[in-house]
PDB file of N, CA and C in Angstrom:
ATOM      1  N   MET A   1      33.727 108.983 114.956  1.00  0.00           N
ATOM      2  CA  MET A   1      34.478 108.197 113.805  1.00  0.00           C
ATOM      3  C   MET A   1      35.712 109.622 113.428  1.00  0.00           C
ATOM      4  N   ARG A   2      34.892 110.776 113.242  1.00  0.00           N
ATOM      5  CA  ARG A   2      35.828 111.740 112.313  1.00  0.00           C
ATOM      6  C   ARG A   2      37.309 111.335 113.080  1.00  0.00           C
ATOM      7  N   LEU A   3      36.814 112.173 114.508  1.00  0.00           N
ATOM      8  CA  LEU A   3      38.473 111.859 115.066  1.00  0.00           C
ATOM      9  C   LEU A   3      39.438 110.843 114.923  1.00  0.00           C
ATOM     10  N   MET A   4      38.817 109.829 114.929  1.00  0.00           N
ATOM     11  CA  MET A   4      39.650 108.216 114.566  1.00  0.00           C
ATOM     12  C   MET A   4      40.284 108.740 112.948  1.00  0.00           C
ATOM     13  N   ARG A   5      39.671 109.596 112.264  1.00  0.00           N
ATOM     14  CA  ARG A   5      40.202 109.603 111.224  1.00  0.00           C
ATOM     15  C   ARG A   5      41.248 110.625 110.992  1.00  0.00           C
ATOM     16  N   ARG A   6      40.674 111.604 111.942  1.00  0.00           N
ATOM     17  CA  ARG A   6      41.840 112.590 111.933  1.00  0.00           C
ATOM     18  C   ARG A   6      43.081 111.953 112.366  1.00  0.00           C
ATOM     19  N   VAL A   7      43.294 110.961 113.713  1.00  0.00           N
ATOM     20  CA  VAL A   7      44.225 110.375 113.622  1.00  0.00           C
ATOM     21  C   VAL A   7      44.648 110.250 113.517  1.00  0.00           C
ATOM     22  N   LEU A   8      44.386 108.519 112.590  1.00  0.00           N
ATOM     23  CA  LEU A   8      45.075 107.913 111.644  1.00  0.00           C
ATOM     24  C   LEU A   8      45.593 109.149 110.134  1.00  0.00           C
ATOM     25  N   MET A   9      45.348 110.408 110.483  1.00  0.00           N
ATOM     26  CA  MET A   9      45.764 110.862 109.288  1.00  0.00           C
ATOM     27  C   MET A   9      47.161 111.136 110.021  1.00  0.00           C
ATOM     28  N   LEU A  10      46.623 111.972 110.778  1.00  0.00           N
ATOM     29  CA  LEU A  10      48.307 112.684 111.513  1.00  0.00           C
ATOM     30  C   LEU A  10      48.969 111.944 112.416  1.00  0.00           C
ATOM     31  N   ALA A  11      48.190 110.241 112.502  1.00  0.00           N
ATOM     32  CA  ALA A  11      49.606 109.731 112.788  1.00  0.00           C
ATOM     33  C   ALA A  11      50.996 109.210 112.217  1.00  0.00           C
ATOM     34  N   PRO A  12      51.303 109.219 110.793  1.00  0.00           N
ATOM     35  CA  PRO A  12      52.298 109.388 110.148  1.00  0.00           C
ATOM     36  C   PRO A  12      53.106 110.748 110.104  1.00  0.00           C
ATOM     37  N   LEU A  13      52.301 112.036 110.399  1.00  0.00           N
ATOM     38  CA  LEU A  13      53.596 113.451 110.697  1.00  0.00           C
ATOM     39  C   LEU A  13      53.872 112.937 111.746  1.00  0.00           C
ATOM     40  N   TRP A  14      53.248 112.258 113.157  1.00  0.00           N
ATOM     41  CA  TRP A  14      53.895 112.277 114.734  1.00  0.00           C
ATOM     42  C   TRP A  14      55.047 111.524 114.588  1.00  0.00           C
ATOM     43  N   LEU A  15      54.821 110.831 113.825  1.00  0.00           N
ATOM     44  CA  LEU A  15      56.207 109.492 114.077  1.00  0.00           C
ATOM     45  C   LEU A  15      57.021 110.037 113.066  1.00  0.00           C
ATOM     46  N   LEU A  16      57.296 110.705 111.864  1.00  0.00           N
ATOM     47  CA  LEU A  16      57.983 111.425 111.174  1.00  0.00           C
ATOM     48  C   LEU A  16      58.904 112.331 112.046  1.00  0.00           C
ATOM     49  N   GLY A  17      58.350 113.018 112.927  1.00  0.00           N
ATOM     50  CA  GLY A  17      58.744 114.498 114.008  1.00  0.00           C
ATOM     51  C   GLY A  17      59.456 113.495 114.482  1.00  0.00           C
ATOM     52  N   ALA A  18      59.378 112.302 115.079  1.00  0.00           N
ATOM     53  CA  ALA A  18      60.327 111.939 116.325  1.00  0.00           C
ATOM     54  C   ALA A  18      61.080 111.402 115.395  1.00  0.00           C
ATOM     55  N   CYS A  19      61.575 111.102 114.725  1.00  0.00           N
ATOM     56  CA  CYS A  19      62.726 111.415 113.773  1.00  0.00           C
ATOM     57  C   CYS A  19      63.883 111.808 113.743  1.00  0.00           C
ATOM     58  N   ALA A  20      63.630 113.145 113.792  1.00  0.00           N
ATOM     59  CA  ALA A  20      64.424 114.637 113.601  1.00  0.00           C
ATOM     60  C   ALA A  20      65.588 113.797 114.562  1.00  0.00           C
ATOM     61  N   GLN A  21      66.468 114.959 114.210  1.00  0.00           N
ATOM     62  CA  GLN A  21      68.259 114.374 114.619  1.00  0.00           C
ATOM     63  C   GLN A  21      68.193 115.721 115.649  1.00  0.00           C
ATOM     64  N   ALA A  22      68.686 116.256 116.824  1.00  0.00           N
ATOM     65  CA  ALA A  22      68.906 117.531 116.922  1.00  0.00           C
ATOM     66  C   ALA A  22      70.210 117.645 116.555  1.00  0.00           C
ATOM     67  N   PRO A  23      70.362 119.076 116.024  1.00  0.00           N
ATOM     68  CA  PRO A  23      72.124 119.869 115.492  1.00  0.00           C
ATOM     69  C   PRO A  23      72.877 119.416 116.260  1.00  0.00           C
ATOM     70  N   ALA A  24      74.354 119.160 115.640  1.00  0.00           N
ATOM     71  CA  ALA A  24      75.262 119.277 116.654  1.00  0.00           C
ATOM     72  C   ALA A  24      75.588 120.612 117.558  1.00  0.00           C
ATOM     73  N   PRO A  25      76.677 120.273 118.679  1.00  0.00           N
ATOM     74  CA  PRO A  25      76.244 121.510 118.985  1.00  0.00           C
ATOM     75  C   PRO A  25      78.084 122.218 118.363  1.00  0.00           C
ATOM     76  N   ALA A  26      77.727 123.522 118.391  1.00  0.00           N
ATOM     77  CA  ALA A  26      78.947 124.350 117.909  1.00  0.00           C
ATOM     78  C   ALA A  26      80.219 123.891 118.466  1.00  0.00           C
ATOM     79  N   PRO A  27      81.680 123.880 118.112  1.00  0.00           N
ATOM     80  CA  PRO A  27      82.638 123.788 119.158  1.00  0.00           C
ATOM     81  C   PRO A  27      82.376 124.897 119.558  1.00  0.00           C
ATOM     82  N   THR A  28      83.214 125.357 121.023  1.00  0.00           N
ATOM     83  CA  THR A  28      83.197 126.599 121.627  1.00  0.00           C
ATOM     84  C   THR A  28      84.319 127.377 121.292  1.00  0.00           C
ATOM     85  N   VAL A  29      84.351 128.651 121.561  1.00  0.00           N
ATOM     86  CA  VAL A  29      84.933 129.562 121.372  1.00  0.00           C
ATOM     87  C   VAL A  29      86.272 129.341 122.108  1.00  0.00           C
ATOM     88  N   GLY A  30      87.787 129.024 121.949  1.00  0.00           N
ATOM     89  CA  GLY A  30      88.560 129.014 122.489  1.00  0.00           C
ATOM     90  C   GLY A  30      89.127 127.278 123.168  1.00  0.00           C
ATOM     91  N   ALA A  31      88.184 126.817 122.842  1.00  0.00           N
ATOM     92  CA  ALA A  31      88.058 125.027 122.907  1.00  0.00           C
ATOM     93  C   ALA A  31      89.588 124.672 122.390  1.00  0.00           C
ATOM     94  N   GLY A  32      90.706 123.543 123.420  1.00  0.00           N
ATOM     95  CA  GLY A  32      91.640 123.441 122.843  1.00  0.00           C
ATOM     96  C   GLY A  32      92.628 124.433 123.242  1.00  0.00           C
ATOM     97  N   ALA A  33      92.689 125.976 123.371  1.00  0.00           N
ATOM     98  CA  ALA A  33      93.721 126.244 123.430  1.00  0.00           C
ATOM     99  C   ALA A  33      94.409 126.078 124.385  1.00  0.00           C
ATOM    100  N   GLU A  34      94.672 125.399 125.763  1.00  0.00           N
ATOM    101  CA  GLU A  34      95.376 124.953 126.558  1.00  0.00           C
ATOM    102  C   GLU A  34      95.936 123.747 126.093  1.00  0.00           C
ATOM    103  N   THR A  35      95.587 122.700 125.054  1.00  0.00           N
ATOM    104  CA  THR A  35      96.269 121.784 124.313  1.00  0.00           C
ATOM    105  C   THR A  35      96.790 122.411 122.963  1.00  0.00           C
ATOM    106  N   CYS A  36      97.132 122.881 122.545  1.00  0.00           N
ATOM    107  CA  CYS A  36      96.622 123.824 121.504  1.00  0.00           C
ATOM    108  C   CYS A  36      98.427 124.204 120.957  1.00  0.00           C
ATOM    109  N   PRO A  37      99.993 123.683 120.785  1.00  0.00           N
ATOM    110  CA  PRO A  37     100.780 124.154 120.999  1.00  0.00           C
ATOM    111  C   PRO A  37     101.681 124.894 120.420  1.00  0.00           C
ATOM    112  N   ALA A  38     100.265 125.627 119.098  1.00  0.00           N
ATOM    113  CA  ALA A  38     101.062 126.483 118.354  1.00  0.00           C
ATOM    114  C   ALA A  38     101.926 128.161 118.597  1.00  0.00           C
ATOM    115  N   ALA A  39     101.491 128.109 119.817  1.00  0.00           N
ATOM    116  CA  ALA A  39     102.307 129.231 120.315  1.00  0.00           C
ATOM    117  C   ALA A  39     104.118 129.548 120.236  1.00  0.00           C
ATOM    118  N   SER A  40     104.514 127.649 120.576  1.00  0.00           N
ATOM    119  CA  SER A  40     106.061 128.091 120.923  1.00  0.00           C
ATOM    120  C   SER A  40     106.661 127.588 119.504  1.00  0.00           C
ATOM    121  N   PHE A  41     105.855 127.532 118.501  1.00  0.00           N
ATOM    122  CA  PHE A  41     106.189 126.739 117.704  1.00  0.00           C
ATOM    123  C   PHE A  41     106.150 128.224 116.375  1.00  0.00           C
ATOM    124  N   ARG A  42     105.560 129.560 116.651  1.00  0.00           N
ATOM    125  CA  ARG A  42     105.525 130.773 115.972  1.00  0.00           C
ATOM    126  C   ARG A  42     106.636 130.992 115.849  1.00  0.00           C
ATOM    127  N   GLY A  43     107.760 131.154 116.292  1.00  0.00           N
ATOM    128  CA  GLY A  43     109.108 131.427 115.404  1.00  0.00           C
ATOM    129  C   GLY A  43     109.748 130.633 114.136  1.00  0.00           C
ATOM    130  N   LEU A  44     108.634 129.581 114.031  1.00  0.00           N
ATOM    131  CA  LEU A  44     108.982 129.525 112.283  1.00  0.00           C
ATOM    132  C   LEU A  44     108.093 129.982 111.282  1.00  0.00           C
ATOM    133  N   THR A  45     107.109 130.598 112.054  1.00  0.00           N
ATOM    134  CA  THR A  45     106.773 131.381 110.185  1.00  0.00           C
ATOM    135  C   THR A  45     107.740 132.210 109.493  1.00  0.00           C
ATOM    136  N   GLY A  46     107.972 131.633 107.922  1.00  0.00           N
ATOM    137  CA  GLY A  46     108.667 132.773 107.225  1.00  0.00           C
ATOM    138  C   GLY A  46     109.991 131.325 106.996  1.00  0.00           C
ATOM    139  N   GLN A  47     110.128 130.355 107.212  1.00  0.00           N
ATOM    140  CA  GLN A  47     111.275 129.558 107.710  1.00  0.00           C
ATOM    141  C   GLN A  47     111.090 128.658 106.550  1.00  0.00           C
ATOM    142  N   PRO A  48     112.478 128.429 106.372  1.00  0.00           N
ATOM    143  CA  PRO A  48     111.842 126.931 104.709  1.00  0.00           C
ATOM    144  C   PRO A  48     111.261 126.160 105.452  1.00  0.00           C
ATOM    145  N   ARG A  49     110.498 125.132 104.333  1.00  0.00           N
ATOM    146  CA  ARG A  49     109.813 123.715 105.073  1.00  0.00           C
ATOM    147  C   ARG A  49     110.560 122.578 105.505  1.00  0.00           C
ATOM    148  N   GLY A  50     111.707 122.669 105.041  1.00  0.00           N
ATOM    149  CA  GLY A  50     112.960 121.798 105.423  1.00  0.00           C
ATOM    150  C   GLY A  50     112.883 121.808 107.322  1.00  0.00           C
ATOM    151  N   VAL A  51     112.336 122.813 107.638  1.00  0.00           N
ATOM    152  CA  VAL A  51     112.732 122.473 109.373  1.00  0.00           C
ATOM    153  C   VAL A  51     112.021 121.900 109.942  1.00  0.00           C
ATOM    154  N   LEU A  52     110.932 121.539 109.482  1.00  0.00           N
ATOM    155  CA  LEU A  52     110.166 120.550 109.702  1.00  0.00           C
ATOM    156  C   LEU A  52     110.491 119.482 109.774  1.00  0.00           C
ATOM    157  N   ASP A  53     111.429 118.933 109.209  1.00  0.00           N
ATOM    158  CA  ASP A  53     111.912 117.754 108.718  1.00  0.00           C
ATOM    159  C   ASP A  53     113.169 117.382 109.665  1.00  0.00           C
ATOM    160  N   ARG A  54     113.127 118.116 110.129  1.00  0.00           N
ATOM    161  CA  ARG A  54     114.266 117.915 111.728  1.00  0.00           C
ATOM    162  C   ARG A  54     113.749 118.246 113.189  1.00  0.00           C
ATOM    163  N   MET A  55     112.323 118.765 113.051  1.00  0.00           N
ATOM    164  CA  MET A  55     112.259 118.932 114.583  1.00  0.00           C
ATOM    165  C   MET A  55     110.779 117.734 114.513  1.00  0.00           C
ATOM    166  N   THR A  56     111.043 117.595 116.001  1.00  0.00           N
ATOM    167  CA  THR A  56     110.256 116.404 116.563  1.00  0.00           C
ATOM    168  C   THR A  56     108.453 116.563 116.648  1.00  0.00           C
ATOM    169  N   LEU A  57     107.500 117.013 116.074  1.00  0.00           N
ATOM    170  CA  LEU A  57     106.665 117.513 115.872  1.00  0.00           C
ATOM    171  C   LEU A  57     105.328 117.215 117.048  1.00  0.00           C
ATOM    172  N   PRO A  58     104.576 117.692 116.915  1.00  0.00           N
ATOM    173  CA  PRO A  58     103.512 116.752 117.836  1.00  0.00           C
ATOM    174  C   PRO A  58     102.532 115.889 117.838  1.00  0.00           C
ATOM    175  N   ALA A  59     101.879 114.423 117.482  1.00  0.00           N
ATOM    176  CA  ALA A  59     101.212 113.795 117.044  1.00  0.00           C
ATOM    177  C   ALA A  59     100.040 113.808 116.139  1.00  0.00           C
ATOM    178  N   GLY A  60     100.074 113.689 115.326  1.00  0.00           N
ATOM    179  CA  GLY A  60      98.617 114.235 114.503  1.00  0.00           C
ATOM    180  C   GLY A  60      98.970 115.386 113.659  1.00  0.00           C
ATOM    181  N   THR A  61     100.579 115.906 113.654  1.00  0.00           N
ATOM    182  CA  THR A  61     100.565 117.318 113.080  1.00  0.00           C
ATOM    183  C   THR A  61     100.431 116.954 111.445  1.00  0.00           C
ATOM    184  N   ARG A  62      99.653 118.084 111.019  1.00  0.00           N
ATOM    185  CA  ARG A  62      99.395 118.138 109.180  1.00  0.00           C
ATOM    186  C   ARG A  62     100.531 119.097 108.779  1.00  0.00           C
ATOM    187  N   ILE A  63     101.303 118.883 107.536  1.00  0.00           N
ATOM    188  CA  ILE A  63     101.691 119.915 107.446  1.00  0.00           C
ATOM    189  C   ILE A  63     101.420 120.215 105.163  1.00  0.00           C
ATOM    190  N   ILE A  64     100.766 121.038 105.718  1.00  0.00           N
ATOM    191  CA  ILE A  64      99.531 121.397 104.461  1.00  0.00           C
ATOM    192  C   ILE A  64     100.570 122.133 103.420  1.00  0.00           C
ATOM    193  N   GLY A  65     100.808 121.244 101.994  1.00  0.00           N
ATOM    194  CA  GLY A  65     101.484 122.219 100.970  1.00  0.00           C
ATOM    195  C   GLY A  65     100.102 122.587  99.887  1.00  0.00           C
ATOM    196  N   PRO A  66     100.966 124.284  99.415  1.00  0.00           N
ATOM    197  CA  PRO A  66      99.626 124.772  98.410  1.00  0.00           C
ATOM    198  C   PRO A  66      98.995 124.509  98.218  1.00  0.00           C
ATOM    199  N   ARG A  67      98.982 122.890  97.201  1.00  0.00           N
ATOM    200  CA  ARG A  67      97.791 122.349  96.311  1.00  0.00           C
ATOM    201  C   ARG A  67      97.326 121.493  96.921  1.00  0.00           C
ATOM    202  N   ASP A  68      97.702 121.354  98.000  1.00  0.00           N
ATOM    203  CA  ASP A  68      96.961 119.353  98.823  1.00  0.00           C
ATOM    204  C   ASP A  68      95.434 119.868  99.431  1.00  0.00           C
ATOM    205  N   ALA A  69      95.082 118.495  99.725  1.00  0.00           N
ATOM    206  CA  ALA A  69      93.876 118.588  99.687  1.00  0.00           C
ATOM    207  C   ALA A  69      93.610 118.142 100.847  1.00  0.00           C
ATOM    208  N   VAL A  70      92.708 118.856 101.853  1.00  0.00           N
ATOM    209  CA  VAL A  70      92.845 118.478 103.522  1.00  0.00           C
ATOM    210  C   VAL A  70      91.055 118.602 103.758  1.00  0.00           C
ATOM    211  N   THR A  71      91.182 117.442 104.842  1.00  0.00           N
ATOM    212  CA  THR A  71      89.751 117.937 105.103  1.00  0.00           C
ATOM    213  C   THR A  71      89.547 118.951 106.403  1.00  0.00           C
ATOM    214  N   MET A  72      88.003 118.837 106.197  1.00  0.00           N
ATOM    215  CA  MET A  72      87.651 120.858 107.176  1.00  0.00           C
ATOM    216  C   MET A  72      86.811 120.254 108.296  1.00  0.00           C
ATOM    217  N   ASP A  73      87.346 119.183 109.285  1.00  0.00           N
ATOM    218  CA  ASP A  73      87.232 118.983 110.428  1.00  0.00           C
ATOM    219  C   ASP A  73      87.564 119.155 111.197  1.00  0.00           C
ATOM    220  N   TYR A  74      87.119 120.150 112.199  1.00  0.00           N
ATOM    221  CA  TYR A  74      87.482 120.921 112.941  1.00  0.00           C
ATOM    222  C   TYR A  74      88.565 120.146 114.384  1.00  0.00           C
ATOM    223  N   ASN A  75      89.756 120.188 114.573  1.00  0.00           N
ATOM    224  CA  ASN A  75      90.333 119.217 115.173  1.00  0.00           C
ATOM    225  C   ASN A  75      91.004 120.093 116.739  1.00  0.00           C
ATOM    226  N   PRO A  76      90.782 120.908 117.468  1.00  0.00           N
ATOM    227  CA  PRO A  76      91.644 122.233 118.057  1.00  0.00           C
ATOM    228  C   PRO A  76      93.191 121.715 119.131  1.00  0.00           C
ATOM    229  N   GLY A  77      93.298 120.449 118.436  1.00  0.00           N
ATOM    230  CA  GLY A  77      94.528 119.821 119.291  1.00  0.00           C
ATOM    231  C   GLY A  77      95.367 119.604 117.756  1.00  0.00           C
ATOM    232  N   ARG A  78      94.743 119.758 117.077  1.00  0.00           N
ATOM    233  CA  ARG A  78      95.752 119.406 116.178  1.00  0.00           C
ATOM    234  C   ARG A  78      96.272 120.593 115.255  1.00  0.00           C
ATOM    235  N   MET A  79      97.911 120.529 115.338  1.00  0.00           N
ATOM    236  CA  MET A  79      99.102 121.032 114.576  1.00  0.00           C
ATOM    237  C   MET A  79      98.665 121.190 113.292  1.00  0.00           C
ATOM    238  N   ASN A  80      98.414 122.319 112.481  1.00  0.00           N
ATOM    239  CA  ASN A  80      99.248 122.294 111.660  1.00  0.00           C
ATOM    240  C   ASN A  80      99.725 123.461 110.946  1.00  0.00           C
ATOM    241  N   PHE A  81     100.690 122.684 109.610  1.00  0.00           N
ATOM    242  CA  PHE A  81     101.764 124.258 108.993  1.00  0.00           C
ATOM    243  C   PHE A  81     101.370 124.082 107.967  1.00  0.00           C
ATOM    244  N   GLU A  82     100.691 125.527 107.489  1.00  0.00           N
ATOM    245  CA  GLU A  82     100.688 125.527 105.863  1.00  0.00           C
ATOM    246  C   GLU A  82     101.805 126.344 105.174  1.00  0.00           C
ATOM    247  N   ILE A  83     102.445 125.561 104.252  1.00  0.00           N
ATOM    248  CA  ILE A  83     103.874 126.050 103.209  1.00  0.00           C
ATOM    249  C   ILE A  83     102.963 126.779 102.119  1.00  0.00           C
ATOM    250  N   GLY A  84     103.225 127.762 101.807  1.00  0.00           N
ATOM    251  CA  GLY A  84     103.020 129.107 101.386  1.00  0.00           C
ATOM    252  C   GLY A  84     103.985 128.145  99.387  1.00  0.00           C
ATOM    253  N   GLU A  85     104.278 129.289  98.698  1.00  0.00           N
ATOM    254  CA  GLU A  85     104.240 128.854  97.001  1.00  0.00           C
ATOM    255  C   GLU A  85     105.133 128.534  97.178  1.00  0.00           C
ATOM    256  N   ASP A  86     106.394 129.617  98.208  1.00  0.00           N
ATOM    257  CA  ASP A  86     107.729 129.700  97.967  1.00  0.00           C
ATOM    258  C   ASP A  86     108.235 128.876  98.862  1.00  0.00           C
ATOM    259  N   GLY A  87     107.704 127.441  99.187  1.00  0.00           N
ATOM    260  CA  GLY A  87     108.167 126.822  99.871  1.00  0.00           C
ATOM    261  C   GLY A  87     108.414 126.877 100.959  1.00  0.00           C
ATOM    262  N   ARG A  88     108.015 128.082 102.423  1.00  0.00           N
ATOM    263  CA  ARG A  88     107.856 128.523 103.601  1.00  0.00           C
ATOM    264  C   ARG A  88     106.925 128.228 104.224  1.00  0.00           C
ATOM    265  N   ILE A  89     107.300 128.483 105.419  1.00  0.00           N
ATOM    266  CA  ILE A  89     105.932 127.849 106.338  1.00  0.00           C
ATOM    267  C   ILE A  89     105.403 129.067 106.509  1.00  0.00           C
ATOM    268  N   ALA A  90     104.452 129.328 105.731  1.00  0.00           N
ATOM    269  CA  ALA A  90     103.260 130.793 105.360  1.00  0.00           C
ATOM    270  C   ALA A  90     101.870 130.874 106.776  1.00  0.00           C
ATOM    271  N   LYS A  91     102.120 130.036 107.310  1.00  0.00           N
ATOM    272  CA  LYS A  91     100.541 129.886 108.321  1.00  0.00           C
ATOM    273  C   LYS A  91     101.092 128.407 109.450  1.00  0.00           C
ATOM    274  N   LEU A  92     100.242 128.885 110.477  1.00  0.00           N
ATOM    275  CA  LEU A  92     100.575 127.882 112.057  1.00  0.00           C
ATOM    276  C   LEU A  92      99.604 127.671 112.591  1.00  0.00           C
ATOM    277  N   GLY A  93      98.609 126.688 112.875  1.00  0.00           N
ATOM    278  CA  GLY A  93      97.975 127.058 113.971  1.00  0.00           C
ATOM    279  C   GLY A  93      97.029 125.295 114.380  1.00  0.00           C
ATOM    280  N   CYS A  94      96.201 125.779 114.900  1.00  0.00           N
ATOM    281  CA  CYS A  94      95.483 124.038 115.315  1.00  0.00           C
ATOM    282  C   CYS A  94      93.863 124.347 115.209  1.00  0.00           C
ATOM    283  N   TYR A  95      93.760 123.200 114.285  1.00  0.00           N
ATOM    284  CA  TYR A  95      92.154 123.243 113.653  1.00  0.00           C
ATOM    285  C   TYR A  95      91.797 121.997 112.862  1.00  0.00           C
TER     286      TYR A  95
END
């Protein structure tokens, strides 16, 4: 009788344990480096933002202004240009 009572008391805990989710795997260092075109755009750092309007940029490229809100999702193949307060390209990379 005692055994059955203990089993019934612990059953909800076992069921809840089965509902736990495994943590998402962390992105590997260097993942997407072969798909990131940032190296070919490095010379644009310090140039006015307007040069980007005259270029063909990779699909999905983001041009981020100094006060723009952006999502923080990591995408190693997405090109990002960050524009500084002075209207020039301050930073670029894939993230």
